[in-house]
Amino acid sequence: MNSILSLRPDDSQPTPLYLQLARNLEAAIHAGQWKAEQALPSERSLSESLNISRVTARKALEILLEQGLIRRSQGSGTFITPRLEQPLSRLSSFSEMLRLKGFTPSSQWLERDITLPTHEELIRLSLSPAAKVARLKRLRKADGIVMAVELSALPAALLPEPEAIGDSLYAHLDAIGRPVVRALQHIRAINASAEMAALVGLETGTAMLLMTRIGYLADNTPIELTDTYCRDDYYDFVAELRR
């Protein structure tokens, strides 16, 4: 109850109560007071616990809904939306990033094969025309929730046994002595194809983020070309700017 009381807006302040409550709730969510997919107190509970009107509680929750911090499930309640804040200045694997944020990472493999490269893969990975690639396709999950679809291609000469990869590609590359030390990454908005929409549970045409990464070894050899199709309702990319 004490944690709920700390959310109480101050009626002596000029800021409307619902905005104060929305800000307090947002701060509590970012501080980890509720975990992803955990139920948030209902309008009625907030109203009774904080001695505010149902209208105030409702308007505050609507702001969080617009920000994508919560989602509503008819008949079940209001729940915290899993979100990942990925720093753009730090190179890390999906699994490492999730663990740092307190999530449990997992993967569902859809493909792990040795195949012929596409024209783009030949160019971006600096491959010879006769080379082959290890092709990886998987669903990336946080606490069991599908956050992204990841498609990777790596030179088969450097990764001859793709079936040996566990949840983390980067951890596997570290283990075989081929760590990715730097990467170039591009992010753009796309509309989900029918295939991508079905894999992540969205409607076709829904906005997604496509993150394309080229990873390099210490000798500047390109080893990884990865396209990650991210749910934009679950992802935030953060860059710190200085002057």
C-alpha atoms as a PDB file:
ATOM      1  CA  MET A   1       0.000   0.000   0.000  1.00  0.00           C
ATOM      2  CA  ASN A   2       2.874   2.414   0.754  1.00  0.00           C
ATOM      3  CA  SER A   3       4.133   2.100  -2.814  1.00  0.00           C
ATOM      4  CA  ILE A   4       0.677   2.990  -4.099  1.00  0.00           C
ATOM      5  CA  LEU A   5       0.425   5.988  -1.780  1.00  0.00           C
ATOM      6  CA  SER A   6       3.675   7.366  -3.207  1.00  0.00           C
ATOM      7  CA  LEU A   7       1.794   7.874  -6.476  1.00  0.00           C
ATOM      8  CA  ARG A   8      -0.683  10.302  -4.934  1.00  0.00           C
ATOM      9  CA  PRO A   9      -0.826  13.642  -6.799  1.00  0.00           C
ATOM     10  CA  ASP A  10      -0.412  16.888  -4.846  1.00  0.00           C
ATOM     11  CA  ASP A  11      -3.576  19.000  -5.109  1.00  0.00           C
ATOM     12  CA  SER A  12      -1.651  22.089  -3.958  1.00  0.00           C
ATOM     13  CA  GLN A  13       0.296  22.079  -7.229  1.00  0.00           C
ATOM     14  CA  PRO A  14      -0.985  23.914 -10.327  1.00  0.00           C
ATOM     15  CA  THR A  15      -0.409  20.876 -12.573  1.00  0.00           C
ATOM     16  CA  PRO A  16      -3.654  18.932 -13.144  1.00  0.00           C
ATOM     17  CA  LEU A  17      -3.980  15.889 -10.928  1.00  0.00           C
ATOM     18  CA  TYR A  18      -4.286  13.440 -13.815  1.00  0.00           C
ATOM     19  CA  LEU A  19      -1.007  14.683 -15.326  1.00  0.00           C
ATOM     20  CA  GLN A  20       0.737  14.366 -11.972  1.00  0.00           C
ATOM     21  CA  LEU A  21      -0.600  10.842 -11.570  1.00  0.00           C
ATOM     22  CA  ALA A  22       0.442   9.901 -15.110  1.00  0.00           C
ATOM     23  CA  ARG A  23       3.982  11.159 -14.450  1.00  0.00           C
ATOM     24  CA  ASN A  24       4.151   9.349 -11.114  1.00  0.00           C
ATOM     25  CA  LEU A  25       2.955   6.126 -12.702  1.00  0.00           C
ATOM     26  CA  GLU A  26       5.414   6.502 -15.582  1.00  0.00           C
ATOM     27  CA  ALA A  27       8.303   7.015 -13.142  1.00  0.00           C
ATOM     28  CA  ALA A  28       7.235   3.981 -11.105  1.00  0.00           C
ATOM     29  CA  ILE A  29       7.044   1.818 -14.247  1.00  0.00           C
ATOM     30  CA  HIS A  30      10.522   2.878 -15.383  1.00  0.00           C
ATOM     31  CA  ALA A  31      11.823   2.249 -11.858  1.00  0.00           C
ATOM     32  CA  GLY A  32      10.572  -1.336 -12.068  1.00  0.00           C
ATOM     33  CA  GLN A  33       7.757  -1.137  -9.520  1.00  0.00           C
ATOM     34  CA  TRP A  34       5.787  -3.428 -11.860  1.00  0.00           C
ATOM     35  CA  LYS A  35       7.303  -5.982 -14.183  1.00  0.00           C
ATOM     36  CA  ALA A  36       6.408  -6.560 -17.822  1.00  0.00           C
ATOM     37  CA  GLU A  37       2.965  -8.136 -18.236  1.00  0.00           C
ATOM     38  CA  GLN A  38       2.147  -7.500 -14.561  1.00  0.00           C
ATOM     39  CA  ALA A  39      -1.266  -5.987 -13.867  1.00  0.00           C
ATOM     40  CA  LEU A  40      -1.427  -2.302 -13.017  1.00  0.00           C
ATOM     41  CA  PRO A  41      -3.861  -1.156 -10.293  1.00  0.00           C
ATOM     42  CA  SER A  42      -7.315  -0.574 -11.732  1.00  0.00           C
ATOM     43  CA  GLU A  43      -9.042   2.800 -12.016  1.00  0.00           C
ATOM     44  CA  ARG A  44     -11.131   1.888  -9.014  1.00  0.00           C
ATOM     45  CA  SER A  45      -8.133   0.794  -6.959  1.00  0.00           C
ATOM     46  CA  LEU A  46      -6.206   3.973  -7.787  1.00  0.00           C
ATOM     47  CA  SER A  47      -9.237   6.102  -7.035  1.00  0.00           C
ATOM     48  CA  GLU A  48      -9.887   4.521  -3.637  1.00  0.00           C
ATOM     49  CA  SER A  49      -6.226   4.219  -2.566  1.00  0.00           C
ATOM     50  CA  LEU A  50      -5.205   7.736  -3.578  1.00  0.00           C
ATOM     51  CA  ASN A  51      -8.488   9.481  -2.754  1.00  0.00           C
ATOM     52  CA  ILE A  52      -8.927  10.793  -6.282  1.00  0.00           C
ATOM     53  CA  SER A  53     -11.813  10.628  -8.730  1.00  0.00           C
ATOM     54  CA  ARG A  54     -12.274   7.779 -11.196  1.00  0.00           C
ATOM     55  CA  VAL A  55     -12.082  10.367 -13.978  1.00  0.00           C
ATOM     56  CA  THR A  56      -8.609  11.460 -12.798  1.00  0.00           C
ATOM     57  CA  ALA A  57      -7.414   7.853 -12.674  1.00  0.00           C
ATOM     58  CA  ARG A  58      -8.912   7.088 -16.089  1.00  0.00           C
ATOM     59  CA  LYS A  59      -7.310  10.111 -17.782  1.00  0.00           C
ATOM     60  CA  ALA A  60      -3.902   9.244 -16.281  1.00  0.00           C
ATOM     61  CA  LEU A  61      -4.130   5.667 -17.554  1.00  0.00           C
ATOM     62  CA  GLU A  62      -5.175   6.905 -20.998  1.00  0.00           C
ATOM     63  CA  ILE A  63      -1.948   8.921 -21.178  1.00  0.00           C
ATOM     64  CA  LEU A  64       0.106   5.804 -20.351  1.00  0.00           C
ATOM     65  CA  LEU A  65      -1.865   3.895 -22.992  1.00  0.00           C
ATOM     66  CA  GLU A  66      -1.039   6.542 -25.611  1.00  0.00           C
ATOM     67  CA  GLN A  67       2.640   6.332 -24.643  1.00  0.00           C
ATOM     68  CA  GLY A  68       2.619   2.570 -25.105  1.00  0.00           C
ATOM     69  CA  LEU A  69       3.602   1.906 -21.492  1.00  0.00           C
ATOM     70  CA  ILE A  70       0.484  -0.156 -20.771  1.00  0.00           C
ATOM     71  CA  ARG A  71      -2.014  -2.241 -22.686  1.00  0.00           C
ATOM     72  CA  ARG A  72      -5.620  -3.127 -21.940  1.00  0.00           C
ATOM     73  CA  SER A  73      -7.053  -6.621 -22.136  1.00  0.00           C
ATOM     74  CA  GLN A  74     -10.835  -6.672 -22.198  1.00  0.00           C
ATOM     75  CA  GLY A  75     -12.168  -8.428 -19.132  1.00  0.00           C
ATOM     76  CA  SER A  76      -8.703  -8.932 -17.652  1.00  0.00           C
ATOM     77  CA  GLY A  77      -7.355  -5.482 -16.776  1.00  0.00           C
ATOM     78  CA  THR A  78      -4.459  -3.179 -17.586  1.00  0.00           C
ATOM     79  CA  PHE A  79      -0.948  -4.577 -17.952  1.00  0.00           C
ATOM     80  CA  ILE A  80       2.596  -3.252 -18.248  1.00  0.00           C
ATOM     81  CA  THR A  81       3.881  -3.412 -21.821  1.00  0.00           C
ATOM     82  CA  PRO A  82       7.345  -4.936 -22.169  1.00  0.00           C
ATOM     83  CA  ARG A  83       9.673  -2.305 -23.642  1.00  0.00           C
ATOM     84  CA  LEU A  84      13.355  -2.377 -24.441  1.00  0.00           C
ATOM     85  CA  GLU A  85      15.488   0.757 -24.384  1.00  0.00           C
ATOM     86  CA  GLN A  86      18.486  -0.105 -26.541  1.00  0.00           C
ATOM     87  CA  PRO A  87      21.385   2.381 -26.442  1.00  0.00           C
ATOM     88  CA  LEU A  88      22.594   3.170 -29.948  1.00  0.00           C
ATOM     89  CA  SER A  89      26.142   3.797 -28.749  1.00  0.00           C
ATOM     90  CA  ARG A  90      26.772   0.345 -27.260  1.00  0.00           C
ATOM     91  CA  LEU A  91      27.341  -2.915 -29.132  1.00  0.00           C
ATOM     92  CA  SER A  92      25.559  -5.743 -27.336  1.00  0.00           C
ATOM     93  CA  SER A  93      23.698  -8.897 -28.184  1.00  0.00           C
ATOM     94  CA  PHE A  94      19.933  -9.184 -27.839  1.00  0.00           C
ATOM     95  CA  SER A  95      20.364 -11.682 -24.988  1.00  0.00           C
ATOM     96  CA  GLU A  96      22.830  -9.471 -23.124  1.00  0.00           C
ATOM     97  CA  MET A  97      20.582  -6.430 -23.499  1.00  0.00           C
ATOM     98  CA  LEU A  98      17.556  -8.318 -22.162  1.00  0.00           C
ATOM     99  CA  ARG A  99      19.403  -9.677 -19.133  1.00  0.00           C
ATOM    100  CA  LEU A 100      20.623  -6.173 -18.265  1.00  0.00           C
ATOM    101  CA  LYS A 101      16.988  -5.013 -18.322  1.00  0.00           C
ATOM    102  CA  GLY A 102      15.839  -7.861 -16.067  1.00  0.00           C
ATOM    103  CA  PHE A 103      14.148  -9.962 -18.795  1.00  0.00           C
ATOM    104  CA  THR A 104      14.751 -13.633 -19.534  1.00  0.00           C
ATOM    105  CA  PRO A 105      15.814 -14.005 -23.180  1.00  0.00           C
ATOM    106  CA  SER A 106      14.960 -16.966 -25.368  1.00  0.00           C
ATOM    107  CA  SER A 107      14.864 -17.857 -29.051  1.00  0.00           C
ATOM    108  CA  GLN A 108      12.627 -19.989 -31.210  1.00  0.00           C
ATOM    109  CA  TRP A 109      14.629 -21.207 -34.173  1.00  0.00           C
ATOM    110  CA  LEU A 110      12.879 -21.193 -37.528  1.00  0.00           C
ATOM    111  CA  GLU A 111      15.920 -21.887 -39.720  1.00  0.00           C
ATOM    112  CA  ARG A 112      19.611 -22.840 -39.269  1.00  0.00           C
ATOM    113  CA  ASP A 113      21.089 -23.886 -42.603  1.00  0.00           C
ATOM    114  CA  ILE A 114      24.069 -23.559 -44.912  1.00  0.00           C
ATOM    115  CA  THR A 115      22.840 -22.015 -48.179  1.00  0.00           C
ATOM    116  CA  LEU A 116      23.885 -19.929 -51.149  1.00  0.00           C
ATOM    117  CA  PRO A 117      24.094 -16.188 -50.410  1.00  0.00           C
ATOM    118  CA  THR A 118      21.901 -13.507 -51.922  1.00  0.00           C
ATOM    119  CA  HIS A 119      23.456 -10.788 -54.066  1.00  0.00           C
ATOM    120  CA  GLU A 120      23.272  -8.346 -51.132  1.00  0.00           C
ATOM    121  CA  GLU A 121      24.975 -10.836 -48.806  1.00  0.00           C
ATOM    122  CA  LEU A 122      27.778 -11.395 -51.329  1.00  0.00           C
ATOM    123  CA  ILE A 123      28.475  -7.668 -51.378  1.00  0.00           C
ATOM    124  CA  ARG A 124      28.012  -6.777 -47.723  1.00  0.00           C
ATOM    125  CA  LEU A 125      29.957  -9.781 -46.407  1.00  0.00           C
ATOM    126  CA  SER A 126      32.667  -9.436 -49.091  1.00  0.00           C
ATOM    127  CA  LEU A 127      32.197 -13.045 -50.205  1.00  0.00           C
ATOM    128  CA  SER A 128      33.459 -14.826 -53.280  1.00  0.00           C
ATOM    129  CA  PRO A 129      30.781 -15.983 -55.758  1.00  0.00           C
ATOM    130  CA  ALA A 130      31.369 -19.630 -54.752  1.00  0.00           C
ATOM    131  CA  ALA A 131      31.001 -18.993 -51.012  1.00  0.00           C
ATOM    132  CA  LYS A 132      28.095 -20.120 -48.864  1.00  0.00           C
ATOM    133  CA  VAL A 133      26.482 -18.591 -45.791  1.00  0.00           C
ATOM    134  CA  ALA A 134      25.105 -19.871 -42.521  1.00  0.00           C
ATOM    135  CA  ARG A 135      21.522 -18.617 -42.584  1.00  0.00           C
ATOM    136  CA  LEU A 136      19.726 -18.100 -39.293  1.00  0.00           C
ATOM    137  CA  LYS A 137      16.098 -17.174 -38.725  1.00  0.00           C
ATOM    138  CA  ARG A 138      14.493 -17.012 -35.303  1.00  0.00           C
ATOM    139  CA  LEU A 139      11.953 -15.355 -33.067  1.00  0.00           C
ATOM    140  CA  ARG A 140      13.549 -13.320 -30.270  1.00  0.00           C
ATOM    141  CA  LYS A 141      11.578 -13.420 -27.035  1.00  0.00           C
ATOM    142  CA  ALA A 142      11.621 -11.605 -23.698  1.00  0.00           C
ATOM    143  CA  ASP A 143       9.911 -13.474 -20.856  1.00  0.00           C
ATOM    144  CA  GLY A 144       8.247 -15.626 -23.509  1.00  0.00           C
ATOM    145  CA  ILE A 145       6.858 -12.680 -25.514  1.00  0.00           C
ATOM    146  CA  VAL A 146       7.895 -12.335 -29.163  1.00  0.00           C
ATOM    147  CA  MET A 147       9.708  -9.008 -29.501  1.00  0.00           C
ATOM    148  CA  ALA A 148      11.355  -9.384 -32.906  1.00  0.00           C
ATOM    149  CA  VAL A 149      12.115 -11.594 -35.889  1.00  0.00           C
ATOM    150  CA  GLU A 150      15.822 -11.892 -36.647  1.00  0.00           C
ATOM    151  CA  LEU A 151      17.383 -13.010 -39.930  1.00  0.00           C
ATOM    152  CA  SER A 152      21.171 -13.399 -40.025  1.00  0.00           C
ATOM    153  CA  ALA A 153      23.708 -14.465 -42.613  1.00  0.00           C
ATOM    154  CA  LEU A 154      27.332 -15.267 -41.736  1.00  0.00           C
ATOM    155  CA  PRO A 155      30.142 -16.702 -43.887  1.00  0.00           C
ATOM    156  CA  ALA A 156      29.885 -20.485 -43.664  1.00  0.00           C
ATOM    157  CA  ALA A 157      33.668 -20.649 -43.655  1.00  0.00           C
ATOM    158  CA  LEU A 158      33.655 -18.834 -40.297  1.00  0.00           C
ATOM    159  CA  LEU A 159      30.502 -20.474 -38.909  1.00  0.00           C
ATOM    160  CA  PRO A 160      30.384 -24.013 -40.333  1.00  0.00           C
ATOM    161  CA  GLU A 161      28.032 -25.423 -37.658  1.00  0.00           C
ATOM    162  CA  PRO A 162      25.037 -23.094 -37.212  1.00  0.00           C
ATOM    163  CA  GLU A 163      23.125 -25.837 -35.350  1.00  0.00           C
ATOM    164  CA  ALA A 164      25.548 -25.393 -32.438  1.00  0.00           C
ATOM    165  CA  ILE A 165      24.353 -21.849 -31.687  1.00  0.00           C
ATOM    166  CA  GLY A 166      22.324 -21.512 -28.501  1.00  0.00           C
ATOM    167  CA  ASP A 167      20.266 -18.484 -27.452  1.00  0.00           C
ATOM    168  CA  SER A 168      23.074 -15.993 -28.140  1.00  0.00           C
ATOM    169  CA  LEU A 169      24.863 -15.740 -31.478  1.00  0.00           C
ATOM    170  CA  TYR A 170      27.434 -13.322 -30.047  1.00  0.00           C
ATOM    171  CA  ALA A 171      28.191 -15.632 -27.112  1.00  0.00           C
ATOM    172  CA  HIS A 172      28.760 -18.470 -29.604  1.00  0.00           C
ATOM    173  CA  LEU A 173      31.049 -16.320 -31.738  1.00  0.00           C
ATOM    174  CA  ASP A 174      32.990 -15.370 -28.605  1.00  0.00           C
ATOM    175  CA  ALA A 175      33.310 -19.052 -27.676  1.00  0.00           C
ATOM    176  CA  ILE A 176      34.747 -20.033 -31.078  1.00  0.00           C
ATOM    177  CA  GLY A 177      37.212 -17.142 -31.055  1.00  0.00           C
ATOM    178  CA  ARG A 178      35.451 -14.913 -33.601  1.00  0.00           C
ATOM    179  CA  PRO A 179      33.933 -12.074 -31.524  1.00  0.00           C
ATOM    180  CA  VAL A 180      32.164  -9.166 -33.166  1.00  0.00           C
ATOM    181  CA  VAL A 181      34.046  -6.065 -31.986  1.00  0.00           C
ATOM    182  CA  ARG A 182      32.237  -3.330 -33.913  1.00  0.00           C
ATOM    183  CA  ALA A 183      29.139  -2.951 -36.055  1.00  0.00           C
ATOM    184  CA  LEU A 184      27.366  -0.546 -38.376  1.00  0.00           C
ATOM    185  CA  GLN A 185      23.653  -0.336 -37.735  1.00  0.00           C
ATOM    186  CA  HIS A 186      20.825   1.274 -39.686  1.00  0.00           C
ATOM    187  CA  ILE A 187      17.242   1.652 -38.449  1.00  0.00           C
ATOM    188  CA  ARG A 188      14.211   2.495 -40.552  1.00  0.00           C
ATOM    189  CA  ALA A 189      10.443   2.259 -40.302  1.00  0.00           C
ATOM    190  CA  ILE A 190       8.591  -0.303 -42.421  1.00  0.00           C
ATOM    191  CA  ASN A 191       5.116  -1.799 -42.676  1.00  0.00           C
ATOM    192  CA  ALA A 192       4.836  -5.423 -41.616  1.00  0.00           C
ATOM    193  CA  SER A 193       4.509  -7.945 -44.420  1.00  0.00           C
ATOM    194  CA  ALA A 194       1.946 -10.693 -44.026  1.00  0.00           C
ATOM    195  CA  GLU A 195       4.704 -13.113 -42.982  1.00  0.00           C
ATOM    196  CA  MET A 196       6.283 -10.790 -40.398  1.00  0.00           C
ATOM    197  CA  ALA A 197       2.910  -9.759 -39.022  1.00  0.00           C
ATOM    198  CA  ALA A 198       1.918 -13.396 -38.489  1.00  0.00           C
ATOM    199  CA  LEU A 199       5.210 -14.235 -36.757  1.00  0.00           C
ATOM    200  CA  VAL A 200       4.959 -11.414 -34.183  1.00  0.00           C
ATOM    201  CA  GLY A 201       1.184 -11.341 -33.782  1.00  0.00           C
ATOM    202  CA  LEU A 202       0.382  -8.064 -35.551  1.00  0.00           C
ATOM    203  CA  GLU A 203      -1.931  -7.074 -38.378  1.00  0.00           C
ATOM    204  CA  THR A 204      -0.440  -6.880 -41.859  1.00  0.00           C
ATOM    205  CA  GLY A 205       0.752  -3.343 -42.575  1.00  0.00           C
ATOM    206  CA  THR A 206       1.397  -2.460 -38.929  1.00  0.00           C
ATOM    207  CA  ALA A 207       4.434  -0.225 -38.374  1.00  0.00           C
ATOM    208  CA  MET A 208       7.630  -2.051 -37.427  1.00  0.00           C
ATOM    209  CA  LEU A 209      11.276  -1.083 -37.075  1.00  0.00           C
ATOM    210  CA  LEU A 210      13.839  -2.762 -39.309  1.00  0.00           C
ATOM    211  CA  MET A 211      17.330  -2.758 -37.807  1.00  0.00           C
ATOM    212  CA  THR A 212      20.099  -3.842 -40.187  1.00  0.00           C
ATOM    213  CA  ARG A 213      23.495  -4.585 -38.647  1.00  0.00           C
ATOM    214  CA  ILE A 214      26.836  -5.484 -40.205  1.00  0.00           C
ATOM    215  CA  GLY A 215      29.236  -6.876 -37.600  1.00  0.00           C
ATOM    216  CA  TYR A 216      33.010  -6.961 -38.000  1.00  0.00           C
ATOM    217  CA  LEU A 217      35.882  -8.958 -36.548  1.00  0.00           C
ATOM    218  CA  ALA A 218      38.954  -7.243 -35.107  1.00  0.00           C
ATOM    219  CA  ASP A 219      40.678  -7.395 -38.532  1.00  0.00           C
ATOM    220  CA  ASN A 220      37.686  -5.594 -40.141  1.00  0.00           C
ATOM    221  CA  THR A 221      36.384  -8.756 -41.802  1.00  0.00           C
ATOM    222  CA  PRO A 222      32.559  -8.552 -42.022  1.00  0.00           C
ATOM    223  CA  ILE A 223      31.149 -11.623 -40.305  1.00  0.00           C
ATOM    224  CA  GLU A 224      27.472 -10.837 -39.705  1.00  0.00           C
ATOM    225  CA  LEU A 225      24.624  -9.349 -41.691  1.00  0.00           C
ATOM    226  CA  THR A 226      21.486  -9.271 -39.559  1.00  0.00           C
ATOM    227  CA  ASP A 227      18.040  -7.860 -40.250  1.00  0.00           C
ATOM    228  CA  THR A 228      15.953  -7.560 -37.096  1.00  0.00           C
ATOM    229  CA  TYR A 229      12.250  -6.784 -37.512  1.00  0.00           C
ATOM    230  CA  CYS A 230      11.204  -5.190 -34.223  1.00  0.00           C
ATOM    231  CA  ARG A 231       7.759  -4.478 -32.806  1.00  0.00           C
ATOM    232  CA  ASP A 232       7.836  -0.727 -32.418  1.00  0.00           C
ATOM    233  CA  ASP A 233       5.383  -0.897 -29.518  1.00  0.00           C
ATOM    234  CA  TYR A 234       8.005  -2.832 -27.547  1.00  0.00           C
ATOM    235  CA  TYR A 235      11.214  -1.079 -28.655  1.00  0.00           C
ATOM    236  CA  ASP A 236      12.831   2.263 -27.896  1.00  0.00           C
ATOM    237  CA  PHE A 237      16.247   3.228 -29.257  1.00  0.00           C
ATOM    238  CA  VAL A 238      18.079   5.756 -27.115  1.00  0.00           C
ATOM    239  CA  ALA A 239      21.044   7.967 -28.050  1.00  0.00           C
ATOM    240  CA  GLU A 240      22.825  10.296 -25.638  1.00  0.00           C
ATOM    241  CA  LEU A 241      23.917  13.527 -27.317  1.00  0.00           C
ATOM    242  CA  ARG A 242      26.578  15.913 -26.003  1.00  0.00           C
ATOM    243  CA  ARG A 243      28.025  19.249 -27.084  1.00  0.00           C
END
